[in-house]
PDB file of N, CA and C in Angstrom:
ATOM      1  N   MET A   1    -113.539 -53.189-178.831  1.00  0.00           N
ATOM      2  CA  MET A   1    -113.802 -54.567-178.846  1.00  0.00           C
ATOM      3  C   MET A   1    -113.477 -55.298-177.522  1.00  0.00           C
ATOM      4  N   PHE A   2    -112.432 -54.709-176.905  1.00  0.00           N
ATOM      5  CA  PHE A   2    -111.910 -55.362-175.569  1.00  0.00           C
ATOM      6  C   PHE A   2    -113.046 -55.199-174.564  1.00  0.00           C
ATOM      7  N   GLU A   3    -113.670 -54.129-174.463  1.00  0.00           N
ATOM      8  CA  GLU A   3    -114.806 -53.985-173.425  1.00  0.00           C
ATOM      9  C   GLU A   3    -115.931 -55.013-173.682  1.00  0.00           C
ATOM     10  N   TYR A   4    -116.188 -55.188-174.982  1.00  0.00           N
ATOM     11  CA  TYR A   4    -117.210 -56.154-175.363  1.00  0.00           C
ATOM     12  C   TYR A   4    -116.918 -57.546-174.889  1.00  0.00           C
ATOM     13  N   GLU A   5    -115.610 -57.925-175.118  1.00  0.00           N
ATOM     14  CA  GLU A   5    -115.095 -59.197-174.647  1.00  0.00           C
ATOM     15  C   GLU A   5    -115.232 -59.369-173.169  1.00  0.00           C
ATOM     16  N   LEU A   6    -114.863 -58.313-172.390  1.00  0.00           N
ATOM     17  CA  LEU A   6    -115.052 -58.316-170.971  1.00  0.00           C
ATOM     18  C   LEU A   6    -116.410 -58.523-170.536  1.00  0.00           C
ATOM     19  N   ALA A   7    -117.308 -57.835-171.249  1.00  0.00           N
ATOM     20  CA  ALA A   7    -118.730 -57.948-170.852  1.00  0.00           C
ATOM     21  C   ALA A   7    -119.308 -59.335-171.228  1.00  0.00           C
ATOM     22  N   GLU A   8    -118.902 -59.988-172.236  1.00  0.00           N
ATOM     23  CA  GLU A   8    -119.242 -61.297-172.577  1.00  0.00           C
ATOM     24  C   GLU A   8    -118.794 -62.292-171.508  1.00  0.00           C
ATOM     25  N   GLU A   9    -117.499 -62.101-171.055  1.00  0.00           N
ATOM     26  CA  GLU A   9    -116.995 -62.911-170.051  1.00  0.00           C
ATOM     27  C   GLU A   9    -117.632 -62.755-168.783  1.00  0.00           C
ATOM     28  N   ALA A  10    -117.975 -61.562-168.388  1.00  0.00           N
ATOM     29  CA  ALA A  10    -118.699 -61.316-167.187  1.00  0.00           C
ATOM     30  C   ALA A  10    -120.088 -61.891-167.168  1.00  0.00           C
ATOM     31  N   LEU A  11    -120.788 -61.854-168.441  1.00  0.00           N
ATOM     32  CA  LEU A  11    -122.099 -62.495-168.470  1.00  0.00           C
ATOM     33  C   LEU A  11    -122.081 -63.996-168.340  1.00  0.00           C
ATOM     34  N   GLN A  12    -120.982 -64.622-168.971  1.00  0.00           N
ATOM     35  CA  GLN A  12    -120.799 -66.044-168.793  1.00  0.00           C
ATOM     36  C   GLN A  12    -120.502 -66.476-167.412  1.00  0.00           C
ATOM     37  N   ASP A  13    -119.740 -65.620-166.693  1.00  0.00           N
ATOM     38  CA  ASP A  13    -119.506 -65.963-165.265  1.00  0.00           C
ATOM     39  C   ASP A  13    -120.751 -65.810-164.441  1.00  0.00           C
ATOM     40  N   ALA A  14    -121.644 -64.843-164.771  1.00  0.00           N
ATOM     41  CA  ALA A  14    -122.858 -64.697-164.146  1.00  0.00           C
ATOM     42  C   ALA A  14    -123.825 -65.853-164.352  1.00  0.00           C
ATOM     43  N   HIS A  15    -123.824 -66.433-165.510  1.00  0.00           N
ATOM     44  CA  HIS A  15    -124.570 -67.655-165.932  1.00  0.00           C
ATOM     45  C   HIS A  15    -124.094 -68.766-165.026  1.00  0.00           C
ATOM     46  N   GLU A  16    -122.770 -69.017-164.930  1.00  0.00           N
ATOM     47  CA  GLU A  16    -122.269 -70.141-164.179  1.00  0.00           C
ATOM     48  C   GLU A  16    -122.560 -69.969-162.729  1.00  0.00           C
ATOM     49  N   THR A  17    -122.485 -68.725-162.233  1.00  0.00           N
ATOM     50  CA  THR A  17    -122.772 -68.509-160.834  1.00  0.00           C
ATOM     51  C   THR A  17    -124.218 -68.766-160.429  1.00  0.00           C
ATOM     52  N   VAL A  18    -125.134 -68.363-161.378  1.00  0.00           N
ATOM     53  CA  VAL A  18    -126.558 -68.692-161.106  1.00  0.00           C
ATOM     54  C   VAL A  18    -126.773 -70.174-161.060  1.00  0.00           C
ATOM     55  N   LYS A  19    -126.125 -70.896-162.030  1.00  0.00           N
ATOM     56  CA  LYS A  19    -126.343 -72.391-162.096  1.00  0.00           C
ATOM     57  C   LYS A  19    -125.773 -73.052-160.840  1.00  0.00           C
ATOM     58  N   ILE A  20    -124.735 -72.610-160.317  1.00  0.00           N
ATOM     59  CA  ILE A  20    -124.196 -73.139-159.036  1.00  0.00           C
ATOM     60  C   ILE A  20    -125.070 -72.793-157.885  1.00  0.00           C
ATOM     61  N   ILE A  21    -125.512 -71.644-157.791  1.00  0.00           N
ATOM     62  CA  ILE A  21    -126.463 -71.257-156.685  1.00  0.00           C
ATOM     63  C   ILE A  21    -127.845 -72.091-156.805  1.00  0.00           C
ATOM     64  N   ARG A  22    -128.317 -72.236-157.922  1.00  0.00           N
ATOM     65  CA  ARG A  22    -129.517 -73.038-158.115  1.00  0.00           C
ATOM     66  C   ARG A  22    -129.341 -74.450-157.697  1.00  0.00           C
ATOM     67  N   ALA A  23    -128.254 -75.056-158.127  1.00  0.00           N
ATOM     68  CA  ALA A  23    -127.883 -76.470-157.789  1.00  0.00           C
ATOM     69  C   ALA A  23    -127.777 -76.625-156.274  1.00  0.00           C
ATOM     70  N   HIS A  24    -127.080 -75.628-155.711  1.00  0.00           N
ATOM     71  CA  HIS A  24    -126.775 -75.741-154.327  1.00  0.00           C
ATOM     72  C   HIS A  24    -128.075 -75.646-153.539  1.00  0.00           C
ATOM     73  N   TRP A  25    -128.962 -74.642-153.885  1.00  0.00           N
ATOM     74  CA  TRP A  25    -130.229 -74.417-153.263  1.00  0.00           C
ATOM     75  C   TRP A  25    -131.105 -75.564-153.314  1.00  0.00           C
ATOM     76  N   ALA A  26    -131.084 -76.297-154.519  1.00  0.00           N
ATOM     77  CA  ALA A  26    -131.970 -77.493-154.725  1.00  0.00           C
ATOM     78  C   ALA A  26    -131.581 -78.649-153.821  1.00  0.00           C
ATOM     79  N   GLN A  27    -130.281 -78.621-153.391  1.00  0.00           N
ATOM     80  CA  GLN A  27    -129.762 -79.772-152.601  1.00  0.00           C
ATOM     81  C   GLN A  27    -129.936 -79.542-151.114  1.00  0.00           C
ATOM     82  N   MET A  28    -130.288 -78.275-150.756  1.00  0.00           N
ATOM     83  CA  MET A  28    -130.423 -77.955-149.319  1.00  0.00           C
ATOM     84  C   MET A  28    -131.723 -78.563-148.788  1.00  0.00           C
ATOM     85  N   PRO A  29    -131.692 -79.120-147.616  1.00  0.00           N
ATOM     86  CA  PRO A  29    -133.011 -79.644-146.990  1.00  0.00           C
ATOM     87  C   PRO A  29    -133.791 -78.551-146.709  1.00  0.00           C
ATOM     88  N   PRO A  30    -135.159 -78.729-146.854  1.00  0.00           N
ATOM     89  CA  PRO A  30    -136.136 -77.618-146.534  1.00  0.00           C
ATOM     90  C   PRO A  30    -135.900 -76.948-145.172  1.00  0.00           C
ATOM     91  N   LYS A  31    -135.516 -77.693-144.264  1.00  0.00           N
ATOM     92  CA  LYS A  31    -135.356 -77.153-142.881  1.00  0.00           C
ATOM     93  C   LYS A  31    -134.262 -76.082-142.846  1.00  0.00           C
ATOM     94  N   LEU A  32    -133.237 -76.255-143.701  1.00  0.00           N
ATOM     95  CA  LEU A  32    -132.199 -75.244-143.691  1.00  0.00           C
ATOM     96  C   LEU A  32    -132.537 -74.041-144.582  1.00  0.00           C
ATOM     97  N   ARG A  33    -133.520 -74.206-145.439  1.00  0.00           N
ATOM     98  CA  ARG A  33    -133.968 -73.031-146.198  1.00  0.00           C
ATOM     99  C   ARG A  33    -134.819 -72.012-145.490  1.00  0.00           C
ATOM    100  N   THR A  34    -135.302 -72.476-144.277  1.00  0.00           N
ATOM    101  CA  THR A  34    -136.104 -71.560-143.490  1.00  0.00           C
ATOM    102  C   THR A  34    -135.453 -70.242-143.120  1.00  0.00           C
ATOM    103  N   GLY A  35    -136.056 -69.150-143.452  1.00  0.00           N
ATOM    104  CA  GLY A  35    -135.457 -67.886-143.165  1.00  0.00           C
ATOM    105  C   GLY A  35    -134.494 -67.415-144.164  1.00  0.00           C
ATOM    106  N   ILE A  36    -134.186 -68.207-145.125  1.00  0.00           N
ATOM    107  CA  ILE A  36    -133.291 -67.866-146.271  1.00  0.00           C
ATOM    108  C   ILE A  36    -134.091 -67.508-147.484  1.00  0.00           C
ATOM    109  N   LYS A  37    -133.916 -66.311-147.947  1.00  0.00           N
ATOM    110  CA  LYS A  37    -134.715 -65.957-149.128  1.00  0.00           C
ATOM    111  C   LYS A  37    -133.776 -65.928-150.292  1.00  0.00           C
ATOM    112  N   PHE A  38    -134.065 -66.717-151.330  1.00  0.00           N
ATOM    113  CA  PHE A  38    -133.353 -66.730-152.567  1.00  0.00           C
ATOM    114  C   PHE A  38    -134.190 -66.036-153.612  1.00  0.00           C
ATOM    115  N   GLU A  39    -133.706 -64.899-154.116  1.00  0.00           N
ATOM    116  CA  GLU A  39    -134.443 -64.243-155.180  1.00  0.00           C
ATOM    117  C   GLU A  39    -133.743 -64.418-156.437  1.00  0.00           C
ATOM    118  N   GLU A  40    -134.588 -64.585-157.457  1.00  0.00           N
ATOM    119  CA  GLU A  40    -134.048 -64.639-158.858  1.00  0.00           C
ATOM    120  C   GLU A  40    -133.499 -63.318-159.220  1.00  0.00           C
ATOM    121  N   PRO A  41    -132.467 -63.250-160.043  1.00  0.00           N
ATOM    122  CA  PRO A  41    -131.927 -61.900-160.481  1.00  0.00           C
ATOM    123  C   PRO A  41    -133.043 -61.202-161.224  1.00  0.00           C
ATOM    124  N   GLU A  42    -132.892 -59.782-161.167  1.00  0.00           N
ATOM    125  CA  GLU A  42    -133.979 -59.037-161.881  1.00  0.00           C
ATOM    126  C   GLU A  42    -133.693 -59.165-163.365  1.00  0.00           C
ATOM    127  N   ILE A  43    -132.509 -59.301-163.859  1.00  0.00           N
ATOM    128  CA  ILE A  43    -132.268 -59.450-165.289  1.00  0.00           C
ATOM    129  C   ILE A  43    -132.325 -60.903-165.648  1.00  0.00           C
ATOM    130  N   ASP A  44    -132.624 -61.166-166.895  1.00  0.00           N
ATOM    131  CA  ASP A  44    -132.761 -62.605-167.270  1.00  0.00           C
ATOM    132  C   ASP A  44    -131.394 -63.149-167.539  1.00  0.00           C
ATOM    133  N   LEU A  45    -130.950 -64.086-166.776  1.00  0.00           N
ATOM    134  CA  LEU A  45    -129.652 -64.735-166.889  1.00  0.00           C
ATOM    135  C   LEU A  45    -129.682 -66.100-167.405  1.00  0.00           C
ATOM    136  N   ARG A  46    -130.826 -66.515-167.963  1.00  0.00           N
ATOM    137  CA  ARG A  46    -130.932 -67.815-168.566  1.00  0.00           C
ATOM    138  C   ARG A  46    -130.101 -67.844-169.820  1.00  0.00           C
ATOM    139  N   GLU A  47    -129.608 -69.050-170.103  1.00  0.00           N
ATOM    140  CA  GLU A  47    -128.812 -69.283-171.334  1.00  0.00           C
ATOM    141  C   GLU A  47    -129.661 -68.871-172.503  1.00  0.00           C
ATOM    142  N   PRO A  48    -129.060 -68.296-173.562  1.00  0.00           N
ATOM    143  CA  PRO A  48    -129.752 -67.869-174.690  1.00  0.00           C
ATOM    144  C   PRO A  48    -130.226 -69.120-175.572  1.00  0.00           C
TER     145      PRO A  48
END
């Protein structure tokens, strides 16, 4: 059960990290985004 709890916590941390990155990216002026490639994660980290 302990490993399951750690996995759930890690998944929640990943959700929060993706939210922060998306919010930061959205606030960046287009000029600063030039040459920076933001790729969505391969796995689906959207909230259930």
